[in-house]
Every structure is written in structure tokens, then in C-alpha cells.
Amino acid sequence: MADAAGLTVYRTTEVPERSLRVARRLEAGGLSALAVHGRLLLASTRTAGAAELIVYDARRGDVQELARAGLAGPARHLAADGNRVFASLGRVGQVSLFDITDPAVPAGMGALVLQPSPGTTWVSAEQALVAGEIVWVAAGGGKLQRFRAPVGEAPVALDEKAIAFGDVRSAAFMGRYLLAGTLVLDANGTPLELPLPVGEPSRPIAGALASVALDHVELRSTRPAEAGLSAVAEPVEVVLSELADSTTAGAVTLETRPGGLPVPVTRRLQLEADGARLVLMPMAPLATGSEYLLRIGAGLADLGGRSLSADAMIRPRPGFALS
């Protein structure tokens, strides 16, 4: 748990209906965000002007600190995908990226820089929603903004925004919609956009939930995830916001890396209650310990012909055989 004093670790499984505090790490100014990523615990300090990303070893009872890296501001939210951390820095107006392939040496990898939406003058990076190399950012007055963040390359802003009424503070996928948690001004039951116009009387702030229909098929996740382990004979799955057109399914390929040799696969589309899934089944077991590249091409489209419009690549690692 992160709070104004630092980090507290509880164990909840040993004594029924009781949490046992097992570790406490004090941090001047406290912590502003916290995330668990595999064996690592990621945190952001709260001190303005001297904020840091902290990487802890979550496997140890004393939660050993492994490294620190400077941030342009306290993080409002931390997300991790593969070997990368996405730190949403609030009013700084950007999401900073770090490579934690070596957790002891976090390396800065650039930033997703937000832009104001029409009719607004400010942005705030509140949350990053990462699926492969495609990132949606809840951007406060900048609404919802989409980026491509290729591994090892500079991130690129995509010419796409999703507009929701209010100040967007959080986001989540639900089928072919983005759900946005927003803040609005309450004018006697009538919601108004933030900020409060000059000369207007003070208004209370209220929360709202908005649903924004996606304009095209969107990548929601993959199995395995970026840098994730999988069984050599298991299928690779691409989770989508809606059913893709089978004639465009060939835009999703599996390749060896390095070399880029295509892996023969069969493809199957399945409709689900909250979206759809494209299943790639290798015709022969993948090689244990080898590296592969799942390429999700921009030409993948839904039944209406609306394409993903951005490439995404995932690097699964077949690491074990099922017996």
C-alpha cells in the first residue's frame, strides 16, 4: 500500500479476516503511485521537483530497493508492459517510458507528449492503457489520446483522439467501447466542463462514467503478453475489441527473430461477449528458448472495413513444454 508516509506491505492469507503487516519502508513525502509487475514492485515518490521512480524486489519480505530513476513530476499512475514502465505524470502532460530489462538500471526511453483537444487549453496524463505497442492515455482536458510506442524506438502520437464529456481521469476497454472515468462541474444537476469559467460562481465537482465508441477494431491485449512466456504447443491469441474481417486476418503473422522467417500457422476468429479473439495455432511446436515476433499489421480491419491503422509487435518467448 502506498500512502503519504511511504510503502506498507501486508500479508492477507495466513490469518482469516486479518491482515498482517510484514514490511514498512518510509519515504520522505510519501508515494503517489504503485504497481506490481511480476517479481517487481514499482512506485513513484510524491515530492514535486524531485520525484523518482523506485523499483523494488517484490519477492523479498523486506521489499529490497533495486534502483531509482528521476521523473519530471510525481506519477499519477504506473503501468508496465513487458520490460517497459509507463509513468503518467499528471500536469506535466506526458507519460515517461523506462526500460527495466535490467531492473537495477532503469533506462529512460522518451515520453508520450499530450496535446490539448479542441476547446481545451490544458492536459494531464492520468493513466496509460497499454496493449502491445498501442497506448491510450487518459489525458484530463486532452480527453483520450492514442499513441504508438514501438519497443526500442521513439514513441509517436497517432492522429486520433476519443472525446468524452468532462475531464478524463481513467480509462478501460469494454468491448468496442472505451470507458472513461471523468470529473465535471455540477451546476444544480447540469454537468459542465472543467475548468470553471472566469466570473462563474463556484461549483462542486462530480464524477461520471462515459462510454466512447471506438471508430475501428482495436487491440486490447495478447496472450502471451509482451516478453511473456508460453508453452511451445499453445496457440498465440490476439484479443480485439470486435470481430475482425477474416480476409484481413493475414495481417497478423508470427515470425522468428532474428531472421523474420514466417512461422506456418492456422488462424481462427472467435466472437466473444466482450469482443473477439484471433487465434494463431502454429502447425509445429515452437522452439523452446527461441525468440519470436507476433506482428499485428495496421491492415487488420473489422467487418466494416475500419482498420487498426497502426502496427503493433509482441515478442513472446516459448519457454516450456506441456506434458
C-alpha atoms as a PDB file:
ATOM      1  CA  MET A   1       0.000   0.000   0.000  1.00  0.00           C
ATOM      2  CA  ALA A   2       1.324   3.465  -0.951  1.00  0.00           C
ATOM      3  CA  ASP A   3       0.494   6.478   1.248  1.00  0.00           C
ATOM      4  CA  ALA A   4       1.838   9.799   2.476  1.00  0.00           C
ATOM      5  CA  ALA A   5       4.417   8.035   4.686  1.00  0.00           C
ATOM      6  CA  GLY A   6       5.778   5.541   2.167  1.00  0.00           C
ATOM      7  CA  LEU A   7       5.187   1.834   1.497  1.00  0.00           C
ATOM      8  CA  THR A   8       3.446  -0.725   3.703  1.00  0.00           C
ATOM      9  CA  VAL A   9       3.264  -4.437   2.853  1.00  0.00           C
ATOM     10  CA  TYR A  10       0.559  -6.680   4.284  1.00  0.00           C
ATOM     11  CA  ARG A  11       0.054 -10.446   4.168  1.00  0.00           C
ATOM     12  CA  THR A  12      -3.627 -11.363   3.910  1.00  0.00           C
ATOM     13  CA  THR A  13      -3.639 -15.158   3.594  1.00  0.00           C
ATOM     14  CA  GLU A  14      -2.274 -16.522   6.885  1.00  0.00           C
ATOM     15  CA  VAL A  15      -4.859 -15.339   9.422  1.00  0.00           C
ATOM     16  CA  PRO A  16      -8.526 -15.378   8.334  1.00  0.00           C
ATOM     17  CA  GLU A  17     -10.176 -11.941   8.304  1.00  0.00           C
ATOM     18  CA  ARG A  18      -6.966 -10.242   9.389  1.00  0.00           C
ATOM     19  CA  SER A  19      -4.117  -8.529   7.540  1.00  0.00           C
ATOM     20  CA  LEU A  20      -0.591  -8.818   8.945  1.00  0.00           C
ATOM     21  CA  ARG A  21       1.866  -6.003   8.338  1.00  0.00           C
ATOM     22  CA  VAL A  22       5.139  -7.593   7.243  1.00  0.00           C
ATOM     23  CA  ALA A  23       7.171  -4.665   5.927  1.00  0.00           C
ATOM     24  CA  ARG A  24       7.306  -0.874   6.132  1.00  0.00           C
ATOM     25  CA  ARG A  25       9.530   1.454   4.078  1.00  0.00           C
ATOM     26  CA  LEU A  26       9.375   5.141   4.909  1.00  0.00           C
ATOM     27  CA  GLU A  27       9.767   7.651   2.078  1.00  0.00           C
ATOM     28  CA  ALA A  28      10.070  11.402   2.602  1.00  0.00           C
ATOM     29  CA  GLY A  29       6.988  12.976   1.036  1.00  0.00           C
ATOM     30  CA  GLY A  30       5.305   9.597   0.554  1.00  0.00           C
ATOM     31  CA  LEU A  31       4.405   7.697  -2.595  1.00  0.00           C
ATOM     32  CA  SER A  32       1.936   8.762  -5.287  1.00  0.00           C
ATOM     33  CA  ALA A  33       1.523   5.562  -7.350  1.00  0.00           C
ATOM     34  CA  LEU A  34       2.189   1.846  -7.047  1.00  0.00           C
ATOM     35  CA  ALA A  35       2.104  -1.162  -9.406  1.00  0.00           C
ATOM     36  CA  VAL A  36       3.106  -4.831  -9.237  1.00  0.00           C
ATOM     37  CA  HIS A  37       4.830  -6.269 -12.301  1.00  0.00           C
ATOM     38  CA  GLY A  38       5.890  -9.895 -11.981  1.00  0.00           C
ATOM     39  CA  ARG A  39       8.668 -10.063  -9.400  1.00  0.00           C
ATOM     40  CA  LEU A  40       8.963  -6.290  -9.247  1.00  0.00           C
ATOM     41  CA  LEU A  41       7.123  -3.617  -7.294  1.00  0.00           C
ATOM     42  CA  LEU A  42       7.116  -0.177  -8.943  1.00  0.00           C
ATOM     43  CA  ALA A  43       6.462   3.074  -7.105  1.00  0.00           C
ATOM     44  CA  SER A  44       6.652   6.821  -7.632  1.00  0.00           C
ATOM     45  CA  THR A  45       7.674   9.300  -4.959  1.00  0.00           C
ATOM     46  CA  ARG A  46       5.340  12.192  -4.283  1.00  0.00           C
ATOM     47  CA  THR A  47       7.880  15.029  -3.853  1.00  0.00           C
ATOM     48  CA  ALA A  48       7.339  17.710  -6.501  1.00  0.00           C
ATOM     49  CA  GLY A  49      10.571  18.786  -8.168  1.00  0.00           C
ATOM     50  CA  ALA A  50      12.430  15.676  -7.029  1.00  0.00           C
ATOM     51  CA  ALA A  51      10.101  12.807  -7.957  1.00  0.00           C
ATOM     52  CA  GLU A  52      11.587   9.389  -8.651  1.00  0.00           C
ATOM     53  CA  LEU A  53      10.570   6.001  -9.995  1.00  0.00           C
ATOM     54  CA  ILE A  54      11.546   3.319  -7.485  1.00  0.00           C
ATOM     55  CA  VAL A  55      11.988  -0.354  -8.396  1.00  0.00           C
ATOM     56  CA  TYR A  56      11.660  -2.867  -5.543  1.00  0.00           C
ATOM     57  CA  ASP A  57      12.161  -6.642  -5.404  1.00  0.00           C
ATOM     58  CA  ALA A  58       8.652  -7.848  -4.545  1.00  0.00           C
ATOM     59  CA  ARG A  59       9.861 -11.386  -3.798  1.00  0.00           C
ATOM     60  CA  ARG A  60      11.688 -10.376  -0.654  1.00  0.00           C
ATOM     61  CA  GLY A  61       9.979  -9.898   2.667  1.00  0.00           C
ATOM     62  CA  ASP A  62      11.873  -6.657   3.248  1.00  0.00           C
ATOM     63  CA  VAL A  63      10.953  -5.365  -0.263  1.00  0.00           C
ATOM     64  CA  GLN A  64      14.563  -4.574  -1.176  1.00  0.00           C
ATOM     65  CA  GLU A  65      15.077  -1.432  -3.246  1.00  0.00           C
ATOM     66  CA  LEU A  66      16.806  -2.186  -6.558  1.00  0.00           C
ATOM     67  CA  ALA A  67      17.034   1.188  -8.281  1.00  0.00           C
ATOM     68  CA  ARG A  68      15.745   4.735  -8.700  1.00  0.00           C
ATOM     69  CA  ALA A  69      15.278   6.952 -11.743  1.00  0.00           C
ATOM     70  CA  GLY A  70      14.294  10.606 -11.914  1.00  0.00           C
ATOM     71  CA  LEU A  71      10.822  11.720 -13.005  1.00  0.00           C
ATOM     72  CA  ALA A  72       9.714  15.128 -14.279  1.00  0.00           C
ATOM     73  CA  GLY A  73       6.908  15.023 -11.713  1.00  0.00           C
ATOM     74  CA  PRO A  74       5.103  12.629  -9.351  1.00  0.00           C
ATOM     75  CA  ALA A  75       3.335   9.841 -11.246  1.00  0.00           C
ATOM     76  CA  ARG A  76      -0.457   9.685 -11.060  1.00  0.00           C
ATOM     77  CA  HIS A  77      -0.420   6.126 -12.427  1.00  0.00           C
ATOM     78  CA  LEU A  78       2.118   3.418 -13.264  1.00  0.00           C
ATOM     79  CA  ALA A  79       1.636   0.704 -15.877  1.00  0.00           C
ATOM     80  CA  ALA A  80       4.071  -1.977 -17.037  1.00  0.00           C
ATOM     81  CA  ASP A  81       4.188  -3.960 -20.274  1.00  0.00           C
ATOM     82  CA  GLY A  82       6.955  -6.468 -20.910  1.00  0.00           C
ATOM     83  CA  ASN A  83      10.203  -4.758 -19.960  1.00  0.00           C
ATOM     84  CA  ARG A  84       8.794  -1.216 -20.003  1.00  0.00           C
ATOM     85  CA  VAL A  85       7.218   1.082 -17.438  1.00  0.00           C
ATOM     86  CA  PHE A  86       4.755   3.836 -18.383  1.00  0.00           C
ATOM     87  CA  ALA A  87       4.643   6.610 -15.767  1.00  0.00           C
ATOM     88  CA  SER A  88       1.725   9.043 -16.207  1.00  0.00           C
ATOM     89  CA  LEU A  89       2.950  12.360 -14.814  1.00  0.00           C
ATOM     90  CA  GLY A  90      -0.268  14.344 -14.371  1.00  0.00           C
ATOM     91  CA  ARG A  91       0.014  18.090 -15.051  1.00  0.00           C
ATOM     92  CA  VAL A  92       3.472  17.595 -16.604  1.00  0.00           C
ATOM     93  CA  GLY A  93       1.423  16.462 -19.618  1.00  0.00           C
ATOM     94  CA  GLN A  94       3.411  13.398 -20.550  1.00  0.00           C
ATOM     95  CA  VAL A  95       3.844   9.676 -19.964  1.00  0.00           C
ATOM     96  CA  SER A  96       7.509   8.824 -19.356  1.00  0.00           C
ATOM     97  CA  LEU A  97       8.799   5.444 -20.580  1.00  0.00           C
ATOM     98  CA  PHE A  98      11.505   3.378 -18.898  1.00  0.00           C
ATOM     99  CA  ASP A  99      13.206   0.143 -19.942  1.00  0.00           C
ATOM    100  CA  ILE A 100      13.622  -2.218 -16.966  1.00  0.00           C
ATOM    101  CA  THR A 101      15.195  -5.166 -18.778  1.00  0.00           C
ATOM    102  CA  ASP A 102      17.822  -4.752 -16.074  1.00  0.00           C
ATOM    103  CA  PRO A 103      15.732  -3.698 -13.053  1.00  0.00           C
ATOM    104  CA  ALA A 104      18.858  -2.345 -11.360  1.00  0.00           C
ATOM    105  CA  VAL A 105      19.392   0.178 -14.174  1.00  0.00           C
ATOM    106  CA  PRO A 106      16.088   1.707 -15.408  1.00  0.00           C
ATOM    107  CA  ALA A 107      16.740   3.471 -18.709  1.00  0.00           C
ATOM    108  CA  GLY A 108      14.644   6.394 -19.940  1.00  0.00           C
ATOM    109  CA  MET A 109      13.046   5.692 -23.336  1.00  0.00           C
ATOM    110  CA  GLY A 110      11.364   9.003 -24.156  1.00  0.00           C
ATOM    111  CA  ALA A 111       7.820  10.144 -23.461  1.00  0.00           C
ATOM    112  CA  LEU A 112       4.308  10.305 -24.845  1.00  0.00           C
ATOM    113  CA  VAL A 113       3.639  14.043 -25.037  1.00  0.00           C
ATOM    114  CA  LEU A 114      -0.010  15.063 -24.806  1.00  0.00           C
ATOM    115  CA  GLN A 115      -1.674  17.813 -26.816  1.00  0.00           C
ATOM    116  CA  PRO A 116      -4.747  19.891 -25.887  1.00  0.00           C
ATOM    117  CA  SER A 117      -8.017  18.885 -27.529  1.00  0.00           C
ATOM    118  CA  PRO A 118     -10.107  21.446 -29.433  1.00  0.00           C
ATOM    119  CA  GLY A 119     -11.794  23.783 -26.970  1.00  0.00           C
ATOM    120  CA  THR A 120      -9.426  22.963 -24.112  1.00  0.00           C
ATOM    121  CA  THR A 121      -6.208  24.600 -23.003  1.00  0.00           C
ATOM    122  CA  TRP A 122      -4.655  22.038 -20.676  1.00  0.00           C
ATOM    123  CA  VAL A 123      -3.827  18.347 -20.407  1.00  0.00           C
ATOM    124  CA  SER A 124      -2.982  15.962 -17.590  1.00  0.00           C
ATOM    125  CA  ALA A 125      -1.541  12.455 -18.003  1.00  0.00           C
ATOM    126  CA  GLU A 126      -3.733  10.431 -15.642  1.00  0.00           C
ATOM    127  CA  GLN A 127      -3.452   6.829 -16.877  1.00  0.00           C
ATOM    128  CA  ALA A 128      -1.843   4.828 -19.677  1.00  0.00           C
ATOM    129  CA  LEU A 129      -3.777   1.889 -21.102  1.00  0.00           C
ATOM    130  CA  VAL A 130      -1.174  -0.282 -22.851  1.00  0.00           C
ATOM    131  CA  ALA A 131      -1.905  -3.070 -25.352  1.00  0.00           C
ATOM    132  CA  GLY A 132       1.201  -4.227 -27.173  1.00  0.00           C
ATOM    133  CA  GLU A 133       2.747  -1.136 -28.710  1.00  0.00           C
ATOM    134  CA  ILE A 134      -0.520   0.820 -28.823  1.00  0.00           C
ATOM    135  CA  VAL A 135      -1.244   3.130 -25.896  1.00  0.00           C
ATOM    136  CA  TRP A 136      -4.366   5.079 -24.977  1.00  0.00           C
ATOM    137  CA  VAL A 137      -3.824   7.852 -22.435  1.00  0.00           C
ATOM    138  CA  ALA A 138      -6.488   9.345 -20.179  1.00  0.00           C
ATOM    139  CA  ALA A 139      -5.400  12.944 -20.698  1.00  0.00           C
ATOM    140  CA  GLY A 140      -7.599  15.089 -18.451  1.00  0.00           C
ATOM    141  CA  GLY A 141      -8.772  18.056 -20.539  1.00  0.00           C
ATOM    142  CA  GLY A 142      -6.999  16.453 -23.506  1.00  0.00           C
ATOM    143  CA  LYS A 143      -9.620  13.669 -23.354  1.00  0.00           C
ATOM    144  CA  LEU A 144      -8.344  10.259 -24.635  1.00  0.00           C
ATOM    145  CA  GLN A 145      -5.267  10.222 -26.876  1.00  0.00           C
ATOM    146  CA  ARG A 146      -3.744   7.337 -28.844  1.00  0.00           C
ATOM    147  CA  PHE A 147      -0.042   6.628 -29.368  1.00  0.00           C
ATOM    148  CA  ARG A 148       2.224   4.005 -30.876  1.00  0.00           C
ATOM    149  CA  ALA A 149       5.204   3.189 -28.668  1.00  0.00           C
ATOM    150  CA  PRO A 150       7.460   0.720 -30.528  1.00  0.00           C
ATOM    151  CA  VAL A 151       9.988  -1.134 -28.384  1.00  0.00           C
ATOM    152  CA  GLY A 152      13.425   0.422 -28.872  1.00  0.00           C
ATOM    153  CA  GLU A 153      12.120   3.365 -30.908  1.00  0.00           C
ATOM    154  CA  ALA A 154      10.776   6.829 -30.211  1.00  0.00           C
ATOM    155  CA  PRO A 155       7.020   6.900 -29.442  1.00  0.00           C
ATOM    156  CA  VAL A 156       4.707   8.504 -31.990  1.00  0.00           C
ATOM    157  CA  ALA A 157       1.419  10.326 -31.435  1.00  0.00           C
ATOM    158  CA  LEU A 158      -1.325   8.950 -33.675  1.00  0.00           C
ATOM    159  CA  ASP A 159      -3.781  11.305 -35.319  1.00  0.00           C
ATOM    160  CA  GLU A 160      -6.669  10.070 -33.217  1.00  0.00           C
ATOM    161  CA  LYS A 161      -8.483  11.217 -30.099  1.00  0.00           C
ATOM    162  CA  ALA A 162     -11.605   9.966 -28.382  1.00  0.00           C
ATOM    163  CA  ILE A 163     -13.797  12.736 -26.987  1.00  0.00           C
ATOM    164  CA  ALA A 164     -15.713  12.330 -23.739  1.00  0.00           C
ATOM    165  CA  PHE A 165     -17.610  14.962 -21.787  1.00  0.00           C
ATOM    166  CA  GLY A 166     -15.643  16.015 -18.750  1.00  0.00           C
ATOM    167  CA  ASP A 167     -12.087  15.763 -17.518  1.00  0.00           C
ATOM    168  CA  VAL A 168     -10.879  12.212 -18.303  1.00  0.00           C
ATOM    169  CA  ARG A 169      -9.109  10.636 -15.301  1.00  0.00           C
ATOM    170  CA  SER A 170      -9.164   6.916 -16.124  1.00  0.00           C
ATOM    171  CA  ALA A 171      -9.935   4.512 -18.965  1.00  0.00           C
ATOM    172  CA  ALA A 172     -10.727   0.846 -19.583  1.00  0.00           C
ATOM    173  CA  PHE A 173     -11.797  -1.297 -22.522  1.00  0.00           C
ATOM    174  CA  MET A 174     -15.296  -2.761 -22.639  1.00  0.00           C
ATOM    175  CA  GLY A 175     -15.998  -4.482 -25.947  1.00  0.00           C
ATOM    176  CA  ARG A 176     -15.884  -1.927 -28.761  1.00  0.00           C
ATOM    177  CA  TYR A 177     -16.052   0.940 -26.266  1.00  0.00           C
ATOM    178  CA  LEU A 178     -13.608   2.852 -24.130  1.00  0.00           C
ATOM    179  CA  LEU A 179     -14.993   3.568 -20.670  1.00  0.00           C
ATOM    180  CA  ALA A 180     -13.777   6.876 -19.294  1.00  0.00           C
ATOM    181  CA  GLY A 181     -13.976   7.974 -15.681  1.00  0.00           C
ATOM    182  CA  THR A 182     -14.486  11.737 -15.751  1.00  0.00           C
ATOM    183  CA  LEU A 183     -14.823  14.766 -13.495  1.00  0.00           C
ATOM    184  CA  VAL A 184     -17.344  17.508 -14.228  1.00  0.00           C
ATOM    185  CA  LEU A 185     -18.700  20.619 -12.556  1.00  0.00           C
ATOM    186  CA  ASP A 186     -22.158  20.168 -11.050  1.00  0.00           C
ATOM    187  CA  ALA A 187     -24.374  23.179 -11.831  1.00  0.00           C
ATOM    188  CA  ASN A 188     -27.504  22.175  -9.910  1.00  0.00           C
ATOM    189  CA  GLY A 189     -27.649  18.811 -11.653  1.00  0.00           C
ATOM    190  CA  THR A 190     -26.357  20.009 -15.026  1.00  0.00           C
ATOM    191  CA  PRO A 191     -22.811  18.822 -15.785  1.00  0.00           C
ATOM    192  CA  LEU A 192     -20.348  21.435 -17.028  1.00  0.00           C
ATOM    193  CA  GLU A 193     -16.856  21.009 -18.450  1.00  0.00           C
ATOM    194  CA  LEU A 194     -13.824  21.910 -16.347  1.00  0.00           C
ATOM    195  CA  PRO A 195     -12.190  24.345 -15.752  1.00  0.00           C
ATOM    196  CA  LEU A 196     -14.573  26.808 -14.113  1.00  0.00           C
ATOM    197  CA  PRO A 197     -15.015  29.806 -16.437  1.00  0.00           C
ATOM    198  CA  VAL A 198     -13.795  33.160 -15.138  1.00  0.00           C
ATOM    199  CA  GLY A 199     -16.574  35.004 -13.354  1.00  0.00           C
ATOM    200  CA  GLU A 200     -18.710  31.898 -12.767  1.00  0.00           C
ATOM    201  CA  PRO A 201     -19.799  31.030  -9.214  1.00  0.00           C
ATOM    202  CA  SER A 202     -18.030  28.117  -7.553  1.00  0.00           C
ATOM    203  CA  ARG A 203     -19.426  24.690  -8.361  1.00  0.00           C
ATOM    204  CA  PRO A 204     -18.988  21.283  -6.704  1.00  0.00           C
ATOM    205  CA  ILE A 205     -17.111  18.607  -8.644  1.00  0.00           C
ATOM    206  CA  ALA A 206     -18.890  15.377  -9.541  1.00  0.00           C
ATOM    207  CA  GLY A 207     -17.722  12.107 -11.061  1.00  0.00           C
ATOM    208  CA  ALA A 208     -19.205  10.468 -14.148  1.00  0.00           C
ATOM    209  CA  LEU A 209     -18.678   7.424 -16.347  1.00  0.00           C
ATOM    210  CA  ALA A 210     -18.698   7.932 -20.113  1.00  0.00           C
ATOM    211  CA  SER A 211     -18.615   5.310 -22.869  1.00  0.00           C
ATOM    212  CA  VAL A 212     -16.892   6.206 -26.132  1.00  0.00           C
ATOM    213  CA  ALA A 213     -17.432   4.011 -29.194  1.00  0.00           C
ATOM    214  CA  LEU A 214     -14.180   3.105 -30.938  1.00  0.00           C
ATOM    215  CA  ASP A 215     -14.056   4.067 -34.614  1.00  0.00           C
ATOM    216  CA  HIS A 216     -12.262   0.871 -35.664  1.00  0.00           C
ATOM    217  CA  VAL A 217     -11.130  -2.524 -34.467  1.00  0.00           C
ATOM    218  CA  GLU A 218      -8.698  -2.075 -31.580  1.00  0.00           C
ATOM    219  CA  LEU A 219      -6.054  -4.253 -29.976  1.00  0.00           C
ATOM    220  CA  ARG A 220      -6.966  -4.964 -26.349  1.00  0.00           C
ATOM    221  CA  SER A 221      -4.309  -7.488 -25.353  1.00  0.00           C
ATOM    222  CA  THR A 222      -2.415 -10.594 -26.432  1.00  0.00           C
ATOM    223  CA  ARG A 223      -1.698 -13.981 -24.909  1.00  0.00           C
ATOM    224  CA  PRO A 224       1.154 -14.280 -24.176  1.00  0.00           C
ATOM    225  CA  ALA A 225       1.828 -10.612 -23.457  1.00  0.00           C
ATOM    226  CA  GLU A 226       4.953  -8.703 -24.459  1.00  0.00           C
ATOM    227  CA  ALA A 227       8.039 -10.667 -23.325  1.00  0.00           C
ATOM    228  CA  GLY A 228       5.707 -13.248 -21.756  1.00  0.00           C
ATOM    229  CA  LEU A 229       6.397 -16.974 -21.535  1.00  0.00           C
ATOM    230  CA  SER A 230       4.147 -19.528 -23.213  1.00  0.00           C
ATOM    231  CA  ALA A 231       4.013 -23.264 -23.795  1.00  0.00           C
ATOM    232  CA  VAL A 232       5.619 -24.296 -27.090  1.00  0.00           C
ATOM    233  CA  ALA A 233       2.450 -26.028 -28.333  1.00  0.00           C
ATOM    234  CA  GLU A 234      -0.082 -23.436 -27.205  1.00  0.00           C
ATOM    235  CA  PRO A 235      -1.791 -21.008 -29.595  1.00  0.00           C
ATOM    236  CA  VAL A 236      -0.978 -17.313 -29.701  1.00  0.00           C
ATOM    237  CA  GLU A 237      -4.079 -15.165 -29.180  1.00  0.00           C
ATOM    238  CA  VAL A 238      -4.860 -11.580 -30.149  1.00  0.00           C
ATOM    239  CA  VAL A 239      -7.741 -10.070 -28.162  1.00  0.00           C
ATOM    240  CA  LEU A 240      -9.703  -7.469 -30.149  1.00  0.00           C
ATOM    241  CA  SER A 241     -12.483  -5.000 -29.455  1.00  0.00           C
ATOM    242  CA  GLU A 242     -14.711  -6.610 -32.103  1.00  0.00           C
ATOM    243  CA  LEU A 243     -14.738  -9.313 -34.762  1.00  0.00           C
ATOM    244  CA  ALA A 244     -12.180  -8.811 -37.500  1.00  0.00           C
ATOM    245  CA  ASP A 245     -12.827  -9.414 -41.190  1.00  0.00           C
ATOM    246  CA  SER A 246     -11.375 -12.843 -41.971  1.00  0.00           C
ATOM    247  CA  THR A 247      -9.963 -11.545 -45.256  1.00  0.00           C
ATOM    248  CA  THR A 248      -7.673  -9.227 -43.259  1.00  0.00           C
ATOM    249  CA  ALA A 249      -6.585 -11.813 -40.661  1.00  0.00           C
ATOM    250  CA  GLY A 250      -3.427 -12.433 -42.684  1.00  0.00           C
ATOM    251  CA  ALA A 251      -2.175  -9.058 -41.409  1.00  0.00           C
ATOM    252  CA  VAL A 252      -1.379 -10.898 -38.167  1.00  0.00           C
ATOM    253  CA  THR A 253       1.710 -13.089 -38.517  1.00  0.00           C
ATOM    254  CA  LEU A 254       4.167 -14.984 -36.349  1.00  0.00           C
ATOM    255  CA  GLU A 255       7.854 -14.788 -37.267  1.00  0.00           C
ATOM    256  CA  THR A 256      11.198 -15.955 -35.961  1.00  0.00           C
ATOM    257  CA  ARG A 257      13.579 -13.378 -34.582  1.00  0.00           C
ATOM    258  CA  PRO A 258      16.106 -12.544 -35.662  1.00  0.00           C
ATOM    259  CA  GLY A 259      15.628 -13.517 -39.290  1.00  0.00           C
ATOM    260  CA  GLY A 260      11.956 -12.735 -39.794  1.00  0.00           C
ATOM    261  CA  LEU A 261      11.097 -16.174 -41.191  1.00  0.00           C
ATOM    262  CA  PRO A 262       7.322 -16.778 -41.194  1.00  0.00           C
ATOM    263  CA  VAL A 263       6.007 -19.463 -38.851  1.00  0.00           C
ATOM    264  CA  PRO A 264       3.242 -21.528 -40.533  1.00  0.00           C
ATOM    265  CA  VAL A 265       0.018 -21.086 -38.543  1.00  0.00           C
ATOM    266  CA  THR A 266      -3.696 -21.656 -38.845  1.00  0.00           C
ATOM    267  CA  ARG A 267      -5.955 -18.731 -37.962  1.00  0.00           C
ATOM    268  CA  ARG A 268      -9.334 -18.861 -36.263  1.00  0.00           C
ATOM    269  CA  LEU A 269     -11.626 -15.978 -35.354  1.00  0.00           C
ATOM    270  CA  GLN A 270     -13.987 -16.328 -32.401  1.00  0.00           C
ATOM    271  CA  LEU A 271     -16.677 -13.937 -31.260  1.00  0.00           C
ATOM    272  CA  GLU A 272     -16.932 -13.325 -27.504  1.00  0.00           C
ATOM    273  CA  ALA A 273     -19.322 -11.463 -25.249  1.00  0.00           C
ATOM    274  CA  ASP A 274     -16.920  -8.560 -24.767  1.00  0.00           C
ATOM    275  CA  GLY A 275     -15.164  -8.531 -28.145  1.00  0.00           C
ATOM    276  CA  ALA A 276     -13.405 -11.103 -30.269  1.00  0.00           C
ATOM    277  CA  ARG A 277     -10.254 -13.173 -30.448  1.00  0.00           C
ATOM    278  CA  LEU A 278      -7.926 -14.109 -33.316  1.00  0.00           C
ATOM    279  CA  VAL A 279      -6.207 -17.406 -32.524  1.00  0.00           C
ATOM    280  CA  LEU A 280      -2.969 -18.376 -34.286  1.00  0.00           C
ATOM    281  CA  MET A 281      -2.053 -22.049 -33.916  1.00  0.00           C
ATOM    282  CA  PRO A 282       1.481 -22.971 -35.048  1.00  0.00           C
ATOM    283  CA  MET A 283       1.495 -26.041 -37.285  1.00  0.00           C
ATOM    284  CA  ALA A 284       4.502 -27.352 -35.337  1.00  0.00           C
ATOM    285  CA  PRO A 285       5.618 -26.710 -31.740  1.00  0.00           C
ATOM    286  CA  LEU A 286       7.713 -23.587 -31.273  1.00  0.00           C
ATOM    287  CA  ALA A 287      11.340 -23.994 -30.266  1.00  0.00           C
ATOM    288  CA  THR A 288      11.936 -23.767 -26.517  1.00  0.00           C
ATOM    289  CA  GLY A 289      14.067 -20.752 -25.611  1.00  0.00           C
ATOM    290  CA  SER A 290      13.828 -19.204 -29.073  1.00  0.00           C
ATOM    291  CA  GLU A 291      12.535 -15.706 -29.742  1.00  0.00           C
ATOM    292  CA  TYR A 292       9.532 -14.886 -31.909  1.00  0.00           C
ATOM    293  CA  LEU A 293       7.730 -11.809 -33.160  1.00  0.00           C
ATOM    294  CA  LEU A 294       3.941 -11.512 -33.301  1.00  0.00           C
ATOM    295  CA  ARG A 295       3.267  -8.826 -35.903  1.00  0.00           C
ATOM    296  CA  ILE A 296      -0.190  -7.232 -35.841  1.00  0.00           C
ATOM    297  CA  GLY A 297      -0.438  -5.236 -39.039  1.00  0.00           C
ATOM    298  CA  ALA A 298      -2.235  -1.942 -39.477  1.00  0.00           C
ATOM    299  CA  GLY A 299      -4.353  -3.545 -42.205  1.00  0.00           C
ATOM    300  CA  LEU A 300      -6.303  -5.724 -39.756  1.00  0.00           C
ATOM    301  CA  ALA A 301      -9.868  -4.449 -40.112  1.00  0.00           C
ATOM    302  CA  ASP A 302     -13.358  -5.038 -38.742  1.00  0.00           C
ATOM    303  CA  LEU A 303     -16.358  -6.149 -40.793  1.00  0.00           C
ATOM    304  CA  GLY A 304     -16.998  -2.533 -41.768  1.00  0.00           C
ATOM    305  CA  GLY A 305     -13.526  -2.174 -43.250  1.00  0.00           C
ATOM    306  CA  ARG A 306     -12.251   0.063 -40.439  1.00  0.00           C
ATOM    307  CA  SER A 307      -8.624  -0.868 -39.849  1.00  0.00           C
ATOM    308  CA  LEU A 308      -6.378  -0.890 -36.812  1.00  0.00           C
ATOM    309  CA  SER A 309      -4.350   1.844 -38.623  1.00  0.00           C
ATOM    310  CA  ALA A 310      -1.199   1.235 -36.568  1.00  0.00           C
ATOM    311  CA  ASP A 311       1.272  -1.642 -36.440  1.00  0.00           C
ATOM    312  CA  ALA A 312       1.900  -3.449 -33.173  1.00  0.00           C
ATOM    313  CA  MET A 313       4.530  -6.074 -32.377  1.00  0.00           C
ATOM    314  CA  ILE A 314       4.703  -8.514 -29.470  1.00  0.00           C
ATOM    315  CA  ARG A 315       7.719 -10.645 -28.550  1.00  0.00           C
ATOM    316  CA  PRO A 316       6.548 -13.893 -26.911  1.00  0.00           C
ATOM    317  CA  ARG A 317       9.074 -16.358 -25.506  1.00  0.00           C
ATOM    318  CA  PRO A 318       8.146 -20.055 -25.711  1.00  0.00           C
ATOM    319  CA  GLY A 319       9.722 -21.223 -22.506  1.00  0.00           C
ATOM    320  CA  PHE A 320       8.300 -24.600 -21.582  1.00  0.00           C
ATOM    321  CA  ALA A 321       6.569 -27.702 -22.940  1.00  0.00           C
ATOM    322  CA  LEU A 322       3.336 -29.050 -21.508  1.00  0.00           C
ATOM    323  CA  SER A 323       3.437 -32.736 -20.627  1.00  0.00           C
END
